[in-house]
Amino acid sequence: MADRLMKVNAYTTLDLVDAVATGHEFETESFAVVNATADREDPDCVRLQFELDNMTEEHLPAHMEELQLTPDQAREIASDLEKHATRVEDATDE
C-alpha cells in the first residue's frame, strides 16, 4: 500500500489514475491520486493536487505536487481538458 501524503476519501476527484514519473535518467510508471479543491471558507485559489504512489521511491521520495490556480486559470485548464477529451473520444470512435 502506498504511503500517501494526500487524504484520499469519497470526495477525492480521481483516486487511481495511470501516471508516469520522468526524469533525466529514469521513467517509472505508477498510479496516482488527483484532486481539485478549494478551501471551504474564504477560498483564495483552486488547488490542483497530485501524488504518485511512492513505488517510485528509488527515484522520488514520497511527495505531492500542488498548483494554486486563479479561477481563470482553473477554467482554462478545464477547457483544455474538455477539448482534448473530445479529440481522444473522436479518435477512438473511428
C-alpha atoms as a PDB file:
ATOM      1  CA  MET A   1       0.000   0.000   0.000  1.00  0.00           C
ATOM      2  CA  ALA A   2       1.230   3.489  -0.814  1.00  0.00           C
ATOM      3  CA  ASP A   3       2.399   5.787   1.971  1.00  0.00           C
ATOM      4  CA  ARG A   4       0.250   8.772   0.930  1.00  0.00           C
ATOM      5  CA  LEU A   5       0.636  12.389   1.946  1.00  0.00           C
ATOM      6  CA  MET A   6      -2.735  13.312   0.425  1.00  0.00           C
ATOM      7  CA  LYS A   7      -6.008  12.428   2.105  1.00  0.00           C
ATOM      8  CA  VAL A   8      -7.987  10.109  -0.175  1.00  0.00           C
ATOM      9  CA  ASN A   9     -11.706   9.839   0.533  1.00  0.00           C
ATOM     10  CA  ALA A  10     -15.091   9.848  -1.196  1.00  0.00           C
ATOM     11  CA  TYR A  11     -14.576  13.498  -2.220  1.00  0.00           C
ATOM     12  CA  THR A  12     -11.212  12.985  -3.932  1.00  0.00           C
ATOM     13  CA  THR A  13     -11.551  13.836  -7.632  1.00  0.00           C
ATOM     14  CA  LEU A  14      -9.684  10.808  -9.033  1.00  0.00           C
ATOM     15  CA  ASP A  15      -8.316   8.245  -6.628  1.00  0.00           C
ATOM     16  CA  LEU A  16      -6.486   5.976  -9.056  1.00  0.00           C
ATOM     17  CA  VAL A  17      -5.085   7.049 -12.415  1.00  0.00           C
ATOM     18  CA  ASP A  18      -2.158   5.815 -14.502  1.00  0.00           C
ATOM     19  CA  ALA A  19       0.871   8.070 -14.121  1.00  0.00           C
ATOM     20  CA  VAL A  20       4.485   8.316 -15.235  1.00  0.00           C
ATOM     21  CA  ALA A  21       7.346   9.955 -13.337  1.00  0.00           C
ATOM     22  CA  THR A  22      10.004  11.092 -15.805  1.00  0.00           C
ATOM     23  CA  GLY A  23      13.484  12.374 -15.010  1.00  0.00           C
ATOM     24  CA  HIS A  24      16.729  12.823 -16.912  1.00  0.00           C
ATOM     25  CA  GLU A  25      17.765   9.211 -16.405  1.00  0.00           C
ATOM     26  CA  PHE A  26      14.583   7.400 -15.450  1.00  0.00           C
ATOM     27  CA  GLU A  27      10.952   6.836 -16.280  1.00  0.00           C
ATOM     28  CA  THR A  28       8.731   4.946 -13.857  1.00  0.00           C
ATOM     29  CA  GLU A  29       5.075   4.020 -14.261  1.00  0.00           C
ATOM     30  CA  SER A  30       2.882   4.205 -11.193  1.00  0.00           C
ATOM     31  CA  PHE A  31      -0.622   5.001 -10.007  1.00  0.00           C
ATOM     32  CA  ALA A  32      -1.594   8.446  -8.772  1.00  0.00           C
ATOM     33  CA  VAL A  33      -4.260  10.398  -6.940  1.00  0.00           C
ATOM     34  CA  VAL A  34      -5.542  13.667  -8.481  1.00  0.00           C
ATOM     35  CA  ASN A  35      -7.673  16.153  -6.611  1.00  0.00           C
ATOM     36  CA  ALA A  36      -9.186  19.541  -7.416  1.00  0.00           C
ATOM     37  CA  THR A  37     -10.284  21.514  -4.364  1.00  0.00           C
ATOM     38  CA  ALA A  38     -10.604  24.896  -2.690  1.00  0.00           C
ATOM     39  CA  ASP A  39     -10.831  25.926   0.952  1.00  0.00           C
ATOM     40  CA  ARG A  40     -14.354  25.620   2.343  1.00  0.00           C
ATOM     41  CA  GLU A  41     -14.280  29.061   3.940  1.00  0.00           C
ATOM     42  CA  ASP A  42     -12.866  32.135   2.201  1.00  0.00           C
ATOM     43  CA  PRO A  43     -11.155  30.255  -0.660  1.00  0.00           C
ATOM     44  CA  ASP A  44      -8.415  32.258  -2.353  1.00  0.00           C
ATOM     45  CA  CYS A  45      -7.425  29.777  -5.073  1.00  0.00           C
ATOM     46  CA  VAL A  46      -8.292  26.480  -6.718  1.00  0.00           C
ATOM     47  CA  ARG A  47      -5.837  23.748  -5.791  1.00  0.00           C
ATOM     48  CA  LEU A  48      -4.963  21.019  -8.279  1.00  0.00           C
ATOM     49  CA  GLN A  49      -3.087  18.332  -6.364  1.00  0.00           C
ATOM     50  CA  PHE A  50      -1.493  15.094  -7.459  1.00  0.00           C
ATOM     51  CA  GLU A  51       0.592  12.414  -5.837  1.00  0.00           C
ATOM     52  CA  LEU A  52       2.181   9.373  -7.423  1.00  0.00           C
ATOM     53  CA  ASP A  53       2.289   6.181  -5.395  1.00  0.00           C
ATOM     54  CA  ASN A  54       5.721   6.043  -3.856  1.00  0.00           C
ATOM     55  CA  MET A  55       6.515   2.797  -5.613  1.00  0.00           C
ATOM     56  CA  THR A  56       8.931   5.156  -7.367  1.00  0.00           C
ATOM     57  CA  GLU A  57      10.900   5.812  -4.173  1.00  0.00           C
ATOM     58  CA  GLU A  58      14.167   4.641  -5.741  1.00  0.00           C
ATOM     59  CA  HIS A  59      13.983   7.897  -7.719  1.00  0.00           C
ATOM     60  CA  LEU A  60      11.498  10.048  -5.810  1.00  0.00           C
ATOM     61  CA  PRO A  61      10.785  10.233  -2.110  1.00  0.00           C
ATOM     62  CA  ALA A  62       7.123  10.432  -1.079  1.00  0.00           C
ATOM     63  CA  HIS A  63       5.847  13.848  -2.141  1.00  0.00           C
ATOM     64  CA  MET A  64       2.878  15.582  -3.730  1.00  0.00           C
ATOM     65  CA  GLU A  65       2.560  18.441  -6.172  1.00  0.00           C
ATOM     66  CA  GLU A  66       0.052  21.262  -5.823  1.00  0.00           C
ATOM     67  CA  LEU A  67      -0.810  24.005  -8.286  1.00  0.00           C
ATOM     68  CA  GLN A  68      -2.552  27.063  -6.851  1.00  0.00           C
ATOM     69  CA  LEU A  69      -4.716  28.448  -9.635  1.00  0.00           C
ATOM     70  CA  THR A  70      -6.833  31.533 -10.059  1.00  0.00           C
ATOM     71  CA  PRO A  71     -10.416  30.876 -11.157  1.00  0.00           C
ATOM     72  CA  ASP A  72      -9.483  31.926 -14.721  1.00  0.00           C
ATOM     73  CA  GLN A  73      -6.504  29.546 -14.767  1.00  0.00           C
ATOM     74  CA  ALA A  74      -8.664  26.688 -13.461  1.00  0.00           C
ATOM     75  CA  ARG A  75     -11.242  27.352 -16.182  1.00  0.00           C
ATOM     76  CA  GLU A  76      -8.517  27.453 -18.847  1.00  0.00           C
ATOM     77  CA  ILE A  77      -7.234  24.039 -17.752  1.00  0.00           C
ATOM     78  CA  ALA A  78     -10.804  22.703 -17.633  1.00  0.00           C
ATOM     79  CA  SER A  79     -11.406  23.987 -21.167  1.00  0.00           C
ATOM     80  CA  ASP A  80      -8.228  22.343 -22.466  1.00  0.00           C
ATOM     81  CA  LEU A  81      -9.140  19.074 -20.752  1.00  0.00           C
ATOM     82  CA  GLU A  82     -12.586  19.134 -22.413  1.00  0.00           C
ATOM     83  CA  LYS A  83     -11.048  19.875 -25.826  1.00  0.00           C
ATOM     84  CA  HIS A  84      -8.508  17.074 -25.603  1.00  0.00           C
ATOM     85  CA  ALA A  85     -11.046  14.619 -24.150  1.00  0.00           C
ATOM     86  CA  THR A  86     -13.229  15.224 -27.204  1.00  0.00           C
ATOM     87  CA  ARG A  87     -10.271  14.668 -29.539  1.00  0.00           C
ATOM     88  CA  VAL A  88      -9.417  11.361 -27.846  1.00  0.00           C
ATOM     89  CA  GLU A  89     -13.064  10.210 -27.901  1.00  0.00           C
ATOM     90  CA  ASP A  90     -13.351  11.127 -31.597  1.00  0.00           C
ATOM     91  CA  ALA A  91     -10.156   9.232 -32.415  1.00  0.00           C
ATOM     92  CA  THR A  92     -11.240   6.118 -30.531  1.00  0.00           C
ATOM     93  CA  ASP A  93     -14.708   6.168 -32.143  1.00  0.00           C
ATOM     94  CA  GLU A  94     -13.239   5.880 -35.633  1.00  0.00           C
END
